[in-house]
Amino acid sequence: MVRGVVSLMLVLAACTVASSAPPSSSPDPPPTLDEALVVPDLVGQNFLIAAFDQRRTFDVKDAKYVVRDDLTNGTIVSQRPEPGTPIEGTDHKIWVVVSQVSDYTPSPPS
């Protein structure tokens, strides 16, 4: 019984030490309220990658899909607000138009 309690205490101590260590690297913190936010240029980027990359500062929304056989499926064609627009307040949404090739058929989920 005592051996089990001692083992449990050692495990808990090891977990406490491991969890108190700072992470090796972390992404840049989001801008503070004092910093001016400017809309980034997302045109030409993949929608999913852009939405993921901007997730800490902007909410990238797909407003519309257009058929564009000259672009890779999922490419951002246009955006609102325009790149370089200063953003004030708390509404940090970027609405984008995303390309879809005419013969694209999504695969069913497996």
N, C-alpha and C. Protein backbone atom coordinates (compact mmCIF):
# COMPACT_ATOMS: atom_id res chain seq x y z
N MET A 1 0.82 -1.19 0.00
CA MET A 1 0.00 0.00 0.00
C MET A 1 0.87 1.26 0.00
N VAL A 2 1.86 1.30 0.89
CA VAL A 2 2.74 2.46 0.98
C VAL A 2 3.52 2.61 -0.31
N ARG A 3 3.97 1.49 -0.88
CA ARG A 3 4.73 1.54 -2.14
C ARG A 3 3.86 2.14 -3.25
N GLY A 4 2.55 1.83 -3.29
CA GLY A 4 1.64 2.38 -4.28
C GLY A 4 1.45 3.88 -4.11
N VAL A 5 1.33 4.34 -2.87
CA VAL A 5 1.17 5.76 -2.59
C VAL A 5 2.43 6.52 -2.99
N VAL A 6 3.60 5.97 -2.69
CA VAL A 6 4.87 6.61 -3.03
C VAL A 6 5.00 6.70 -4.55
N SER A 7 4.64 5.62 -5.25
CA SER A 7 4.70 5.63 -6.72
C SER A 7 3.78 6.69 -7.29
N LEU A 8 2.58 6.80 -6.75
CA LEU A 8 1.62 7.80 -7.21
C LEU A 8 2.16 9.20 -6.96
N MET A 9 2.79 9.42 -5.82
CA MET A 9 3.34 10.74 -5.52
C MET A 9 4.48 11.08 -6.48
N LEU A 10 5.30 10.11 -6.84
CA LEU A 10 6.38 10.36 -7.80
C LEU A 10 5.83 10.71 -9.17
N VAL A 11 4.80 10.01 -9.59
CA VAL A 11 4.18 10.29 -10.89
C VAL A 11 3.58 11.69 -10.89
N LEU A 12 2.87 12.06 -9.85
CA LEU A 12 2.27 13.40 -9.76
C LEU A 12 3.34 14.48 -9.74
N ALA A 13 4.43 14.24 -9.05
CA ALA A 13 5.52 15.22 -9.01
C ALA A 13 6.13 15.39 -10.40
N ALA A 14 6.31 14.29 -11.10
CA ALA A 14 6.88 14.36 -12.46
C ALA A 14 5.94 15.12 -13.39
N CYS A 15 4.66 14.89 -13.27
CA CYS A 15 3.68 15.60 -14.12
C CYS A 15 3.69 17.09 -13.82
N THR A 16 3.81 17.46 -12.55
CA THR A 16 3.83 18.87 -12.17
C THR A 16 5.05 19.57 -12.74
N VAL A 17 6.20 18.93 -12.67
CA VAL A 17 7.43 19.51 -13.20
C VAL A 17 7.34 19.64 -14.72
N ALA A 18 6.83 18.60 -15.38
CA ALA A 18 6.73 18.62 -16.85
C ALA A 18 5.74 19.67 -17.32
N SER A 19 4.63 19.84 -16.59
CA SER A 19 3.62 20.79 -17.06
C SER A 19 3.99 22.24 -16.76
N SER A 20 4.95 22.48 -15.85
CA SER A 20 5.32 23.85 -15.55
C SER A 20 6.40 24.39 -16.47
N ALA A 21 6.96 23.54 -17.32
CA ALA A 21 7.99 23.99 -18.25
C ALA A 21 7.35 24.84 -19.34
N PRO A 22 7.97 25.96 -19.74
CA PRO A 22 7.40 26.80 -20.79
C PRO A 22 7.47 26.09 -22.13
N PRO A 23 6.53 26.38 -23.02
CA PRO A 23 6.58 25.76 -24.35
C PRO A 23 7.81 26.22 -25.10
N SER A 24 8.32 25.34 -25.98
CA SER A 24 9.55 25.67 -26.69
C SER A 24 9.36 26.80 -27.68
N SER A 25 8.23 26.84 -28.34
CA SER A 25 7.96 27.94 -29.26
C SER A 25 6.46 28.18 -29.31
N SER A 26 6.09 29.40 -29.50
CA SER A 26 4.67 29.73 -29.58
C SER A 26 4.46 30.74 -30.70
N PRO A 27 3.26 30.74 -31.31
CA PRO A 27 3.00 31.71 -32.37
C PRO A 27 2.95 33.12 -31.81
N ASP A 28 3.08 34.07 -32.71
CA ASP A 28 3.01 35.47 -32.29
C ASP A 28 1.67 35.76 -31.65
N PRO A 29 1.66 36.55 -30.58
CA PRO A 29 0.38 36.88 -29.95
C PRO A 29 -0.45 37.77 -30.87
N PRO A 30 -1.78 37.75 -30.71
CA PRO A 30 -2.61 38.62 -31.54
C PRO A 30 -2.32 40.08 -31.21
N PRO A 31 -2.59 40.99 -32.14
CA PRO A 31 -2.33 42.40 -31.89
C PRO A 31 -3.14 42.92 -30.70
N THR A 32 -2.59 43.90 -30.01
CA THR A 32 -3.33 44.51 -28.91
C THR A 32 -4.29 45.55 -29.47
N LEU A 33 -5.15 46.05 -28.62
CA LEU A 33 -6.13 47.05 -29.07
C LEU A 33 -5.46 48.33 -29.54
N ASP A 34 -4.25 48.60 -29.00
CA ASP A 34 -3.55 49.82 -29.38
C ASP A 34 -2.93 49.73 -30.78
N GLU A 35 -2.67 48.51 -31.24
CA GLU A 35 -2.05 48.34 -32.56
C GLU A 35 -3.13 48.45 -33.63
N ALA A 36 -2.80 49.12 -34.72
CA ALA A 36 -3.75 49.26 -35.82
C ALA A 36 -3.82 47.95 -36.59
N LEU A 37 -5.03 47.46 -36.81
CA LEU A 37 -5.22 46.26 -37.62
C LEU A 37 -5.46 46.69 -39.05
N VAL A 38 -4.78 46.03 -39.97
CA VAL A 38 -4.94 46.30 -41.39
C VAL A 38 -5.28 44.98 -42.06
N VAL A 39 -6.26 45.01 -42.96
CA VAL A 39 -6.70 43.80 -43.65
C VAL A 39 -5.57 43.28 -44.54
N PRO A 40 -5.23 41.99 -44.39
CA PRO A 40 -4.18 41.41 -45.23
C PRO A 40 -4.71 41.11 -46.63
N ASP A 41 -3.80 40.94 -47.58
CA ASP A 41 -4.16 40.57 -48.95
C ASP A 41 -4.23 39.06 -49.04
N LEU A 42 -5.44 38.51 -49.19
CA LEU A 42 -5.64 37.07 -49.25
C LEU A 42 -5.88 36.56 -50.67
N VAL A 43 -6.03 37.46 -51.64
CA VAL A 43 -6.32 37.06 -53.02
C VAL A 43 -5.18 36.20 -53.55
N GLY A 44 -5.54 35.06 -54.14
CA GLY A 44 -4.55 34.14 -54.69
C GLY A 44 -4.17 33.03 -53.73
N GLN A 45 -4.54 33.17 -52.46
CA GLN A 45 -4.23 32.14 -51.48
C GLN A 45 -5.33 31.08 -51.44
N ASN A 46 -5.00 29.91 -50.93
CA ASN A 46 -6.00 28.87 -50.71
C ASN A 46 -6.88 29.30 -49.54
N PHE A 47 -8.19 29.15 -49.70
CA PHE A 47 -9.15 29.62 -48.69
C PHE A 47 -8.90 28.97 -47.32
N LEU A 48 -8.75 27.65 -47.28
CA LEU A 48 -8.60 26.96 -46.00
C LEU A 48 -7.30 27.36 -45.30
N ILE A 49 -6.23 27.49 -46.06
CA ILE A 49 -4.95 27.88 -45.47
C ILE A 49 -5.02 29.31 -44.96
N ALA A 50 -5.61 30.21 -45.75
CA ALA A 50 -5.73 31.61 -45.33
C ALA A 50 -6.59 31.73 -44.07
N ALA A 51 -7.70 31.01 -44.03
CA ALA A 51 -8.58 31.07 -42.85
C ALA A 51 -7.84 30.56 -41.61
N PHE A 52 -7.07 29.50 -41.76
CA PHE A 52 -6.30 28.96 -40.64
C PHE A 52 -5.21 29.94 -40.20
N ASP A 53 -4.47 30.47 -41.16
CA ASP A 53 -3.38 31.40 -40.84
C ASP A 53 -3.86 32.67 -40.16
N GLN A 54 -5.05 33.14 -40.51
CA GLN A 54 -5.58 34.41 -39.97
C GLN A 54 -6.48 34.22 -38.76
N ARG A 55 -6.67 33.00 -38.29
CA ARG A 55 -7.68 32.69 -37.28
C ARG A 55 -7.53 33.46 -35.97
N ARG A 56 -6.34 33.89 -35.61
CA ARG A 56 -6.15 34.59 -34.34
C ARG A 56 -6.59 36.05 -34.40
N THR A 57 -6.63 36.62 -35.63
CA THR A 57 -6.93 38.03 -35.76
C THR A 57 -8.19 38.29 -36.57
N PHE A 58 -8.39 37.51 -37.64
CA PHE A 58 -9.52 37.73 -38.55
C PHE A 58 -10.35 36.46 -38.70
N ASP A 59 -11.63 36.66 -38.94
CA ASP A 59 -12.55 35.56 -39.23
C ASP A 59 -12.79 35.58 -40.74
N VAL A 60 -12.13 34.68 -41.47
CA VAL A 60 -12.24 34.65 -42.93
C VAL A 60 -13.46 33.80 -43.29
N LYS A 61 -14.41 34.42 -43.98
CA LYS A 61 -15.69 33.78 -44.33
C LYS A 61 -15.80 33.62 -45.84
N ASP A 62 -16.26 32.47 -46.28
CA ASP A 62 -16.51 32.25 -47.71
C ASP A 62 -17.92 32.72 -48.04
N ALA A 63 -18.01 33.84 -48.73
CA ALA A 63 -19.30 34.46 -49.04
C ALA A 63 -19.91 33.86 -50.30
N LYS A 64 -19.06 33.42 -51.22
CA LYS A 64 -19.56 32.99 -52.52
C LYS A 64 -18.52 32.11 -53.19
N TYR A 65 -18.98 31.20 -54.03
CA TYR A 65 -18.10 30.38 -54.85
C TYR A 65 -18.39 30.69 -56.31
N VAL A 66 -17.33 30.81 -57.12
CA VAL A 66 -17.49 31.07 -58.54
C VAL A 66 -16.69 30.03 -59.33
N VAL A 67 -17.22 29.67 -60.50
CA VAL A 67 -16.52 28.71 -61.36
C VAL A 67 -15.37 29.43 -62.05
N ARG A 68 -14.17 28.93 -61.83
CA ARG A 68 -12.95 29.47 -62.44
C ARG A 68 -12.04 28.30 -62.79
N ASP A 69 -12.08 27.87 -64.04
CA ASP A 69 -11.24 26.75 -64.46
C ASP A 69 -9.78 27.13 -64.61
N ASP A 70 -9.47 28.42 -64.60
CA ASP A 70 -8.08 28.86 -64.73
C ASP A 70 -7.34 28.90 -63.38
N LEU A 71 -8.06 28.60 -62.28
CA LEU A 71 -7.45 28.63 -60.95
C LEU A 71 -7.60 27.27 -60.28
N THR A 72 -6.75 27.02 -59.33
CA THR A 72 -6.86 25.83 -58.51
C THR A 72 -8.12 25.94 -57.66
N ASN A 73 -8.80 24.83 -57.46
CA ASN A 73 -10.00 24.81 -56.64
C ASN A 73 -9.69 25.34 -55.24
N GLY A 74 -10.51 26.26 -54.75
CA GLY A 74 -10.34 26.81 -53.41
C GLY A 74 -9.49 28.06 -53.32
N THR A 75 -9.14 28.66 -54.46
CA THR A 75 -8.33 29.87 -54.47
C THR A 75 -9.21 31.09 -54.21
N ILE A 76 -8.75 32.00 -53.38
CA ILE A 76 -9.49 33.23 -53.10
C ILE A 76 -9.36 34.15 -54.30
N VAL A 77 -10.51 34.56 -54.86
CA VAL A 77 -10.57 35.38 -56.06
C VAL A 77 -10.67 36.86 -55.71
N SER A 78 -11.45 37.19 -54.70
CA SER A 78 -11.59 38.58 -54.25
C SER A 78 -11.96 38.58 -52.78
N GLN A 79 -11.89 39.77 -52.17
CA GLN A 79 -12.19 39.88 -50.75
C GLN A 79 -12.78 41.24 -50.42
N ARG A 80 -13.52 41.30 -49.32
CA ARG A 80 -14.04 42.53 -48.74
C ARG A 80 -13.86 42.44 -47.25
N PRO A 81 -13.33 43.43 -46.58
CA PRO A 81 -12.79 44.66 -47.11
C PRO A 81 -11.52 44.43 -47.92
N GLU A 82 -11.17 45.46 -48.67
CA GLU A 82 -9.99 45.42 -49.53
C GLU A 82 -8.71 45.33 -48.68
N PRO A 83 -7.64 44.72 -49.25
CA PRO A 83 -6.37 44.68 -48.53
C PRO A 83 -5.89 46.09 -48.18
N GLY A 84 -5.31 46.21 -47.00
CA GLY A 84 -4.78 47.50 -46.55
C GLY A 84 -5.79 48.36 -45.82
N THR A 85 -7.05 47.94 -45.78
CA THR A 85 -8.08 48.71 -45.08
C THR A 85 -7.87 48.63 -43.57
N PRO A 86 -7.80 49.78 -42.88
CA PRO A 86 -7.67 49.74 -41.42
C PRO A 86 -8.97 49.23 -40.80
N ILE A 87 -8.85 48.42 -39.76
CA ILE A 87 -10.01 47.84 -39.09
C ILE A 87 -10.13 48.44 -37.70
N GLU A 88 -11.32 48.87 -37.35
CA GLU A 88 -11.59 49.38 -36.01
C GLU A 88 -12.71 48.56 -35.41
N GLY A 89 -12.83 48.59 -34.12
CA GLY A 89 -13.90 47.87 -33.45
C GLY A 89 -13.58 46.39 -33.31
N THR A 90 -14.63 45.60 -33.17
CA THR A 90 -14.45 44.18 -32.90
C THR A 90 -14.85 43.28 -34.06
N ASP A 91 -15.36 43.84 -35.15
CA ASP A 91 -15.79 43.03 -36.29
C ASP A 91 -14.60 42.82 -37.23
N HIS A 92 -13.93 41.70 -37.07
CA HIS A 92 -12.73 41.41 -37.84
C HIS A 92 -13.00 40.33 -38.87
N LYS A 93 -14.08 40.47 -39.62
CA LYS A 93 -14.42 39.49 -40.66
C LYS A 93 -13.88 39.94 -42.00
N ILE A 94 -13.40 38.95 -42.78
CA ILE A 94 -13.01 39.18 -44.16
C ILE A 94 -13.86 38.22 -44.99
N TRP A 95 -14.68 38.78 -45.87
CA TRP A 95 -15.53 37.97 -46.73
C TRP A 95 -14.80 37.75 -48.05
N VAL A 96 -14.73 36.49 -48.48
CA VAL A 96 -13.98 36.17 -49.68
C VAL A 96 -14.86 35.43 -50.69
N VAL A 97 -14.49 35.57 -51.97
CA VAL A 97 -15.08 34.80 -53.06
C VAL A 97 -14.03 33.75 -53.42
N VAL A 98 -14.47 32.49 -53.50
CA VAL A 98 -13.57 31.36 -53.66
C VAL A 98 -13.83 30.65 -54.98
N SER A 99 -12.76 30.24 -55.66
CA SER A 99 -12.90 29.56 -56.95
C SER A 99 -13.30 28.10 -56.77
N GLN A 100 -14.04 27.63 -57.75
CA GLN A 100 -14.39 26.21 -57.83
C GLN A 100 -14.32 25.83 -59.30
N VAL A 101 -13.58 24.77 -59.61
CA VAL A 101 -13.48 24.34 -61.01
C VAL A 101 -14.79 23.69 -61.43
N SER A 102 -15.12 23.79 -62.72
CA SER A 102 -16.43 23.35 -63.19
C SER A 102 -16.65 21.86 -63.06
N ASP A 103 -15.60 21.05 -63.15
CA ASP A 103 -15.80 19.61 -63.08
C ASP A 103 -15.44 19.04 -61.71
N TYR A 104 -15.38 19.87 -60.69
CA TYR A 104 -15.01 19.42 -59.36
C TYR A 104 -16.19 18.70 -58.70
N THR A 105 -15.94 17.46 -58.27
CA THR A 105 -16.92 16.71 -57.53
C THR A 105 -16.26 16.25 -56.26
N PRO A 106 -16.72 16.73 -55.10
CA PRO A 106 -16.08 16.31 -53.86
C PRO A 106 -16.26 14.82 -53.63
N SER A 107 -15.24 14.22 -53.04
CA SER A 107 -15.32 12.79 -52.70
C SER A 107 -16.19 12.63 -51.48
N PRO A 108 -16.95 11.55 -51.42
CA PRO A 108 -17.77 11.32 -50.22
C PRO A 108 -16.87 11.02 -49.03
N PRO A 109 -17.31 11.41 -47.84
CA PRO A 109 -16.49 11.12 -46.65
C PRO A 109 -16.31 9.62 -46.47
N SER A 110 -15.15 9.24 -45.98
CA SER A 110 -14.92 7.79 -45.78
C SER A 110 -15.18 7.38 -44.37
